[in-house]
Amino acid sequence: MVLDSTRLSVLLRETVFGEAVSAMLTVGLGLCAHSLSAFRLTLGSDTSTDVMLPLPMRDGWGR
């Protein structure tokens, strides 16, 4: 999984009558399948850090 974030060049509104705010688009790409695995649209500045952990192996799966 490769994550990439970029600031969008458009402004979005949080609500119908709210102020326009900038947004960040974060995309998760699968390296093996060459597919879009996830995306996230974050309003405002993206200063937080997200941590993702894989699920544990299921019983009965080989190495």
PDB file of N, CA and C in Angstrom:
ATOM      1  N   MET A   1       0.850  -1.166   0.000  1.00  0.00           N
ATOM      2  CA  MET A   1       0.000   0.000   0.000  1.00  0.00           C
ATOM      3  C   MET A   1       0.896   1.228   0.000  1.00  0.00           C
ATOM      4  N   VAL A   2       0.619   2.113  -0.905  1.00  0.00           N
ATOM      5  CA  VAL A   2       1.326   3.392  -0.992  1.00  0.00           C
ATOM      6  C   VAL A   2       0.304   4.495  -0.768  1.00  0.00           C
ATOM      7  N   LEU A   3       0.616   5.426   0.124  1.00  0.00           N
ATOM      8  CA  LEU A   3      -0.267   6.556   0.408  1.00  0.00           C
ATOM      9  C   LEU A   3       0.322   7.828  -0.182  1.00  0.00           C
ATOM     10  N   ASP A   4      -0.529   8.631  -0.769  1.00  0.00           N
ATOM     11  CA  ASP A   4      -0.096   9.908  -1.333  1.00  0.00           C
ATOM     12  C   ASP A   4      -1.149  10.954  -1.017  1.00  0.00           C
ATOM     13  N   SER A   5      -0.715  12.122  -0.550  1.00  0.00           N
ATOM     14  CA  SER A   5      -1.628  13.219  -0.235  1.00  0.00           C
ATOM     15  C   SER A   5      -1.295  14.421  -1.102  1.00  0.00           C
ATOM     16  N   THR A   6      -2.327  15.104  -1.557  1.00  0.00           N
ATOM     17  CA  THR A   6      -2.133  16.311  -2.343  1.00  0.00           C
ATOM     18  C   THR A   6      -3.235  17.308  -2.022  1.00  0.00           C
ATOM     19  N   ARG A   7      -2.896  18.584  -2.033  1.00  0.00           N
ATOM     20  CA  ARG A   7      -3.884  19.634  -1.790  1.00  0.00           C
ATOM     21  C   ARG A   7      -4.664  19.845  -3.078  1.00  0.00           C
ATOM     22  N   LEU A   8      -5.983  19.853  -2.983  1.00  0.00           N
ATOM     23  CA  LEU A   8      -6.818  20.081  -4.154  1.00  0.00           C
ATOM     24  C   LEU A   8      -6.783  21.551  -4.536  1.00  0.00           C
ATOM     25  N   SER A   9      -6.900  21.831  -5.824  1.00  0.00           N
ATOM     26  CA  SER A   9      -6.830  23.211  -6.294  1.00  0.00           C
ATOM     27  C   SER A   9      -8.209  23.875  -6.335  1.00  0.00           C
ATOM     28  N   VAL A  10      -9.171  23.309  -5.628  1.00  0.00           N
ATOM     29  CA  VAL A  10     -10.511  23.883  -5.527  1.00  0.00           C
ATOM     30  C   VAL A  10     -10.853  24.070  -4.056  1.00  0.00           C
ATOM     31  N   LEU A  11     -11.830  24.916  -3.777  1.00  0.00           N
ATOM     32  CA  LEU A  11     -12.322  25.110  -2.413  1.00  0.00           C
ATOM     33  C   LEU A  11     -13.669  24.410  -2.272  1.00  0.00           C
ATOM     34  N   LEU A  12     -13.916  23.834  -1.112  1.00  0.00           N
ATOM     35  CA  LEU A  12     -15.161  23.122  -0.834  1.00  0.00           C
ATOM     36  C   LEU A  12     -15.885  23.804   0.314  1.00  0.00           C
ATOM     37  N   ARG A  13     -17.181  23.569   0.415  1.00  0.00           N
ATOM     38  CA  ARG A  13     -17.971  24.097   1.533  1.00  0.00           C
ATOM     39  C   ARG A  13     -18.295  22.946   2.481  1.00  0.00           C
ATOM     40  N   GLU A  14     -18.091  23.193   3.779  1.00  0.00           N
ATOM     41  CA  GLU A  14     -18.417  22.184   4.787  1.00  0.00           C
ATOM     42  C   GLU A  14     -19.921  21.971   4.870  1.00  0.00           C
ATOM     43  N   THR A  15     -20.673  23.050   4.788  1.00  0.00           N
ATOM     44  CA  THR A  15     -22.135  22.987   4.786  1.00  0.00           C
ATOM     45  C   THR A  15     -22.631  23.856   3.631  1.00  0.00           C
ATOM     46  N   VAL A  16     -23.923  23.838   3.392  1.00  0.00           N
ATOM     47  CA  VAL A  16     -24.485  24.584   2.266  1.00  0.00           C
ATOM     48  C   VAL A  16     -24.161  26.074   2.368  1.00  0.00           C
ATOM     49  N   PHE A  17     -24.282  26.645   3.571  1.00  0.00           N
ATOM     50  CA  PHE A  17     -24.050  28.078   3.741  1.00  0.00           C
ATOM     51  C   PHE A  17     -22.743  28.369   4.478  1.00  0.00           C
ATOM     52  N   GLY A  18     -21.866  27.382   4.594  1.00  0.00           N
ATOM     53  CA  GLY A  18     -20.601  27.570   5.299  1.00  0.00           C
ATOM     54  C   GLY A  18     -19.550  28.243   4.439  1.00  0.00           C
ATOM     55  N   GLU A  19     -18.416  28.546   5.069  1.00  0.00           N
ATOM     56  CA  GLU A  19     -17.307  29.159   4.349  1.00  0.00           C
ATOM     57  C   GLU A  19     -16.607  28.129   3.469  1.00  0.00           C
ATOM     58  N   ALA A  20     -15.977  28.626   2.424  1.00  0.00           N
ATOM     59  CA  ALA A  20     -15.191  27.749   1.555  1.00  0.00           C
ATOM     60  C   ALA A  20     -13.867  27.411   2.251  1.00  0.00           C
ATOM     61  N   VAL A  21     -13.486  26.141   2.231  1.00  0.00           N
ATOM     62  CA  VAL A  21     -12.248  25.690   2.875  1.00  0.00           C
ATOM     63  C   VAL A  21     -11.441  24.876   1.881  1.00  0.00           C
ATOM     64  N   SER A  22     -10.144  24.811   2.110  1.00  0.00           N
ATOM     65  CA  SER A  22      -9.291  23.987   1.263  1.00  0.00           C
ATOM     66  C   SER A  22      -9.442  22.529   1.670  1.00  0.00           C
ATOM     67  N   ALA A  23      -9.001  21.632   0.817  1.00  0.00           N
ATOM     68  CA  ALA A  23      -9.148  20.201   1.087  1.00  0.00           C
ATOM     69  C   ALA A  23      -7.904  19.451   0.635  1.00  0.00           C
ATOM     70  N   MET A  24      -7.642  18.346   1.314  1.00  0.00           N
ATOM     71  CA  MET A  24      -6.545  17.441   0.957  1.00  0.00           C
ATOM     72  C   MET A  24      -7.149  16.124   0.486  1.00  0.00           C
ATOM     73  N   LEU A  25      -6.605  15.565  -0.584  1.00  0.00           N
ATOM     74  CA  LEU A  25      -7.017  14.256  -1.066  1.00  0.00           C
ATOM     75  C   LEU A  25      -5.901  13.273  -0.775  1.00  0.00           C
ATOM     76  N   THR A  26      -6.216  12.223  -0.015  1.00  0.00           N
ATOM     77  CA  THR A  26      -5.263  11.167   0.287  1.00  0.00           C
ATOM     78  C   THR A  26      -5.727   9.910  -0.424  1.00  0.00           C
ATOM     79  N   VAL A  27      -4.823   9.294  -1.171  1.00  0.00           N
ATOM     80  CA  VAL A  27      -5.150   8.120  -1.975  1.00  0.00           C
ATOM     81  C   VAL A  27      -4.258   6.964  -1.530  1.00  0.00           C
ATOM     82  N   GLY A  28      -4.855   5.777  -1.385  1.00  0.00           N
ATOM     83  CA  GLY A  28      -4.109   4.562  -1.078  1.00  0.00           C
ATOM     84  C   GLY A  28      -4.109   3.652  -2.293  1.00  0.00           C
ATOM     85  N   LEU A  29      -2.910   3.349  -2.805  1.00  0.00           N
ATOM     86  CA  LEU A  29      -2.785   2.504  -3.994  1.00  0.00           C
ATOM     87  C   LEU A  29      -2.146   1.178  -3.625  1.00  0.00           C
ATOM     88  N   GLY A  30      -2.736   0.086  -4.108  1.00  0.00           N
ATOM     89  CA  GLY A  30      -2.170  -1.232  -3.884  1.00  0.00           C
ATOM     90  C   GLY A  30      -1.052  -1.502  -4.882  1.00  0.00           C
ATOM     91  N   LEU A  31       0.129  -1.842  -4.388  1.00  0.00           N
ATOM     92  CA  LEU A  31       1.269  -2.061  -5.273  1.00  0.00           C
ATOM     93  C   LEU A  31       1.127  -3.325  -6.111  1.00  0.00           C
ATOM     94  N   CYS A  32       0.679  -4.403  -5.496  1.00  0.00           N
ATOM     95  CA  CYS A  32       0.605  -5.684  -6.211  1.00  0.00           C
ATOM     96  C   CYS A  32      -0.516  -5.705  -7.238  1.00  0.00           C
ATOM     97  N   ALA A  33      -1.684  -5.211  -6.870  1.00  0.00           N
ATOM     98  CA  ALA A  33      -2.849  -5.281  -7.762  1.00  0.00           C
ATOM     99  C   ALA A  33      -2.988  -4.038  -8.642  1.00  0.00           C
ATOM    100  N   HIS A  34      -2.156  -3.019  -8.414  1.00  0.00           N
ATOM    101  CA  HIS A  34      -2.240  -1.764  -9.177  1.00  0.00           C
ATOM    102  C   HIS A  34      -3.665  -1.216  -9.160  1.00  0.00           C
ATOM    103  N   SER A  35      -4.230  -1.149  -7.950  1.00  0.00           N
ATOM    104  CA  SER A  35      -5.618  -0.716  -7.828  1.00  0.00           C
ATOM    105  C   SER A  35      -5.745   0.362  -6.760  1.00  0.00           C
ATOM    106  N   LEU A  36      -6.813   1.127  -6.863  1.00  0.00           N
ATOM    107  CA  LEU A  36      -7.138   2.133  -5.859  1.00  0.00           C
ATOM    108  C   LEU A  36      -7.802   1.422  -4.688  1.00  0.00           C
ATOM    109  N   SER A  37      -7.122   1.382  -3.556  1.00  0.00           N
ATOM    110  CA  SER A  37      -7.634   0.655  -2.395  1.00  0.00           C
ATOM    111  C   SER A  37      -8.441   1.544  -1.457  1.00  0.00           C
ATOM    112  N   ALA A  38      -8.080   2.817  -1.381  1.00  0.00           N
ATOM    113  CA  ALA A  38      -8.776   3.714  -0.458  1.00  0.00           C
ATOM    114  C   ALA A  38      -8.547   5.152  -0.875  1.00  0.00           C
ATOM    115  N   PHE A  39      -9.478   6.022  -0.473  1.00  0.00           N
ATOM    116  CA  PHE A  39      -9.271   7.454  -0.637  1.00  0.00           C
ATOM    117  C   PHE A  39      -9.953   8.179   0.507  1.00  0.00           C
ATOM    118  N   ARG A  40      -9.460   9.377   0.808  1.00  0.00           N
ATOM    119  CA  ARG A  40      -9.996  10.154   1.918  1.00  0.00           C
ATOM    120  C   ARG A  40      -9.911  11.626   1.545  1.00  0.00           C
ATOM    121  N   LEU A  41     -10.981  12.336   1.760  1.00  0.00           N
ATOM    122  CA  LEU A  41     -11.036  13.772   1.529  1.00  0.00           C
ATOM    123  C   LEU A  41     -11.070  14.449   2.887  1.00  0.00           C
ATOM    124  N   THR A  42     -10.048  15.262   3.192  1.00  0.00           N
ATOM    125  CA  THR A  42      -9.930  15.911   4.484  1.00  0.00           C
ATOM    126  C   THR A  42     -10.087  17.407   4.297  1.00  0.00           C
ATOM    127  N   LEU A  43     -11.069  18.003   4.967  1.00  0.00           N
ATOM    128  CA  LEU A  43     -11.269  19.442   4.878  1.00  0.00           C
ATOM    129  C   LEU A  43     -10.293  20.159   5.798  1.00  0.00           C
ATOM    130  N   GLY A  44      -9.826  21.324   5.377  1.00  0.00           N
ATOM    131  CA  GLY A  44      -8.868  22.082   6.165  1.00  0.00           C
ATOM    132  C   GLY A  44      -7.470  21.533   5.981  1.00  0.00           C
ATOM    133  N   SER A  45      -6.575  21.876   6.903  1.00  0.00           N
ATOM    134  CA  SER A  45      -5.197  21.409   6.786  1.00  0.00           C
ATOM    135  C   SER A  45      -5.085  19.974   7.284  1.00  0.00           C
ATOM    136  N   ASP A  46      -4.251  19.225   6.642  1.00  0.00           N
ATOM    137  CA  ASP A  46      -4.047  17.814   7.002  1.00  0.00           C
ATOM    138  C   ASP A  46      -2.743  17.694   7.777  1.00  0.00           C
ATOM    139  N   THR A  47      -2.817  17.953   9.086  1.00  0.00           N
ATOM    140  CA  THR A  47      -1.612  17.883   9.912  1.00  0.00           C
ATOM    141  C   THR A  47      -1.617  16.658  10.811  1.00  0.00           C
ATOM    142  N   SER A  48      -2.664  15.851  10.747  1.00  0.00           N
ATOM    143  CA  SER A  48      -2.732  14.670  11.604  1.00  0.00           C
ATOM    144  C   SER A  48      -1.959  13.524  10.962  1.00  0.00           C
ATOM    145  N   THR A  49      -1.645  12.537  11.765  1.00  0.00           N
ATOM    146  CA  THR A  49      -0.950  11.349  11.292  1.00  0.00           C
ATOM    147  C   THR A  49      -1.859  10.152  11.498  1.00  0.00           C
ATOM    148  N   ASP A  50      -2.103   9.406  10.435  1.00  0.00           N
ATOM    149  CA  ASP A  50      -2.918   8.206  10.526  1.00  0.00           C
ATOM    150  C   ASP A  50      -2.007   6.983  10.533  1.00  0.00           C
ATOM    151  N   VAL A  51      -2.359   6.014  11.347  1.00  0.00           N
ATOM    152  CA  VAL A  51      -1.603   4.772  11.411  1.00  0.00           C
ATOM    153  C   VAL A  51      -2.532   3.655  11.018  1.00  0.00           C
ATOM    154  N   MET A  52      -2.110   2.853  10.057  1.00  0.00           N
ATOM    155  CA  MET A  52      -2.908   1.715   9.626  1.00  0.00           C
ATOM    156  C   MET A  52      -2.134   0.439   9.907  1.00  0.00           C
ATOM    157  N   LEU A  53      -2.808  -0.531  10.461  1.00  0.00           N
ATOM    158  CA  LEU A  53      -2.188  -1.812  10.765  1.00  0.00           C
ATOM    159  C   LEU A  53      -2.914  -2.913  10.003  1.00  0.00           C
ATOM    160  N   PRO A  54      -2.175  -3.889   9.469  1.00  0.00           N
ATOM    161  CA  PRO A  54      -2.843  -5.004   8.792  1.00  0.00           C
ATOM    162  C   PRO A  54      -3.561  -5.891   9.801  1.00  0.00           C
ATOM    163  N   LEU A  55      -4.596  -6.574   9.344  1.00  0.00           N
ATOM    164  CA  LEU A  55      -5.298  -7.516  10.210  1.00  0.00           C
ATOM    165  C   LEU A  55      -4.412  -8.722  10.466  1.00  0.00           C
ATOM    166  N   PRO A  56      -4.564  -9.388  11.624  1.00  0.00           N
ATOM    167  CA  PRO A  56      -3.751 -10.577  11.892  1.00  0.00           C
ATOM    168  C   PRO A  56      -4.142 -11.722  10.955  1.00  0.00           C
ATOM    169  N   MET A  57      -3.200 -12.637  10.746  1.00  0.00           N
ATOM    170  CA  MET A  57      -3.455 -13.799   9.897  1.00  0.00           C
ATOM    171  C   MET A  57      -4.550 -14.658  10.516  1.00  0.00           C
ATOM    172  N   ARG A  58      -5.386 -15.225   9.689  1.00  0.00           N
ATOM    173  CA  ARG A  58      -6.456 -16.108  10.178  1.00  0.00           C
ATOM    174  C   ARG A  58      -5.895 -17.490  10.493  1.00  0.00           C
ATOM    175  N   ASP A  59      -6.564 -18.161  11.429  1.00  0.00           N
ATOM    176  CA  ASP A  59      -6.152 -19.523  11.759  1.00  0.00           C
ATOM    177  C   ASP A  59      -6.280 -20.414  10.538  1.00  0.00           C
ATOM    178  N   GLY A  60      -5.294 -21.266  10.306  1.00  0.00           N
ATOM    179  CA  GLY A  60      -5.339 -22.185   9.185  1.00  0.00           C
ATOM    180  C   GLY A  60      -4.630 -21.677   7.935  1.00  0.00           C
ATOM    181  N   TRP A  61      -4.243 -20.404   7.913  1.00  0.00           N
ATOM    182  CA  TRP A  61      -3.507 -19.892   6.757  1.00  0.00           C
ATOM    183  C   TRP A  61      -2.037 -20.283   6.892  1.00  0.00           C
ATOM    184  N   GLY A  62      -1.464 -20.692   5.808  1.00  0.00           N
ATOM    185  CA  GLY A  62      -0.052 -21.064   5.819  1.00  0.00           C
ATOM    186  C   GLY A  62       0.833 -19.835   5.814  1.00  0.00           C
ATOM    187  N   ARG A  63       2.129 -20.063   5.857  1.00  0.00           N
ATOM    188  CA  ARG A  63       3.075 -18.956   5.847  1.00  0.00           C
ATOM    189  C   ARG A  63       3.068 -18.341   4.492  1.00  0.00           C
TER     190      ARG A  63
END
